[in-house]
Amino acid sequence: MIFIASGTDLRPNEFGPFMAEEAEVLEQLRAGGTVKAVFKRVSGGGVISVVEAATVEEAVEQLERLPLVREGLLTFELTEVTEL
């Protein structure tokens, strides 16, 4: 299943201490094939990611590995999509 994960920054001024670990975990998710692409919104905060997982529960579980999500600084809303 493919999902568009729309991420909302909740407290971006608190991101600093977690950014090195965030980059490391994101690279692991990319290498494992869960995260296919990540885009930063041009205006406003947040990110848009393309995520692949067997179920929505698995997608959520994998995104919860991210330190910003774990610390409650970033939340995601997932929408399942399919190719035309």
Protein backbone atom coordinates (compact mmCIF):
# COMPACT_ATOMS: atom_id res chain seq x y z
CA MET A 1 0.00 0.00 0.00
CA ILE A 2 1.15 3.54 -0.78
CA PHE A 3 0.34 6.47 1.51
CA ILE A 4 0.79 10.21 1.31
CA ALA A 5 1.87 11.25 4.80
CA SER A 6 1.17 14.91 5.48
CA GLY A 7 3.33 16.02 8.39
CA THR A 8 2.52 19.01 10.58
CA ASP A 9 5.17 20.71 12.73
CA LEU A 10 3.76 21.22 16.23
CA ARG A 11 6.72 22.87 17.99
CA PRO A 12 9.46 23.44 15.40
CA ASN A 13 11.50 25.60 17.80
CA GLU A 14 12.16 22.40 19.80
CA PHE A 15 13.47 20.31 16.85
CA GLY A 16 17.18 21.10 17.35
CA PRO A 17 18.28 18.40 19.79
CA PHE A 18 16.60 15.67 17.71
CA MET A 19 17.70 16.56 14.17
CA ALA A 20 20.79 14.32 13.97
CA GLU A 21 18.83 11.27 15.15
CA GLU A 22 15.89 12.28 12.89
CA ALA A 23 18.19 12.25 9.83
CA GLU A 24 19.61 8.86 10.86
CA VAL A 25 16.19 7.22 11.35
CA LEU A 26 14.86 8.77 8.14
CA GLU A 27 17.80 7.27 6.24
CA GLN A 28 17.01 3.86 7.78
CA LEU A 29 13.37 4.18 6.67
CA ARG A 30 14.50 5.10 3.16
CA ALA A 31 17.01 2.26 3.00
CA GLY A 32 14.35 -0.19 4.20
CA GLY A 33 11.95 0.95 1.48
CA THR A 34 9.31 2.41 3.78
CA VAL A 35 9.89 6.07 2.91
CA LYS A 36 10.03 6.59 -0.85
CA ALA A 37 10.27 10.41 -0.91
CA VAL A 38 10.14 13.40 1.42
CA PHE A 39 9.26 16.96 0.47
CA LYS A 40 9.39 20.10 2.61
CA ARG A 41 6.49 22.51 2.18
CA VAL A 42 7.63 25.73 0.51
CA SER A 43 5.37 27.92 2.61
CA GLY A 44 4.60 27.13 6.21
CA GLY A 45 6.07 24.22 8.08
CA GLY A 46 5.74 20.51 7.68
CA VAL A 47 6.58 17.80 5.21
CA ILE A 48 4.89 15.56 2.69
CA SER A 49 6.18 11.99 2.44
CA VAL A 50 5.44 9.03 0.22
CA VAL A 51 5.32 5.92 2.39
CA GLU A 52 4.96 2.25 1.47
CA ALA A 53 3.77 -0.35 3.97
CA ALA A 54 1.62 -3.49 4.07
CA THR A 55 -1.02 -1.77 6.24
CA VAL A 56 -1.80 1.68 7.58
CA GLU A 57 -0.89 0.38 11.04
CA GLU A 58 2.57 -0.61 9.80
CA ALA A 59 3.03 2.81 8.16
CA VAL A 60 2.11 4.54 11.43
CA GLU A 61 4.41 2.24 13.40
CA GLN A 62 7.34 3.01 11.12
CA LEU A 63 6.75 6.78 11.18
CA GLU A 64 6.57 6.65 14.98
CA ARG A 65 10.25 5.62 14.92
CA LEU A 66 11.10 9.21 13.93
CA PRO A 67 12.29 11.18 16.96
CA LEU A 68 10.18 14.23 16.08
CA VAL A 69 7.07 12.04 16.05
CA ARG A 70 8.13 10.15 19.17
CA GLU A 71 8.62 13.44 21.04
CA GLY A 72 5.25 14.85 19.92
CA LEU A 73 6.83 17.58 17.79
CA LEU A 74 5.53 16.32 14.42
CA THR A 75 2.30 14.54 13.53
CA PHE A 76 1.26 12.78 10.33
CA GLU A 77 -2.06 12.31 8.60
CA LEU A 78 -1.97 9.35 6.21
CA THR A 79 -3.99 9.00 3.03
CA GLU A 80 -3.89 5.78 1.02
CA VAL A 81 -3.37 6.35 -2.71
CA THR A 82 -3.11 4.15 -5.79
CA GLU A 83 -1.61 4.59 -9.24
CA LEU A 84 -3.89 5.54 -12.08
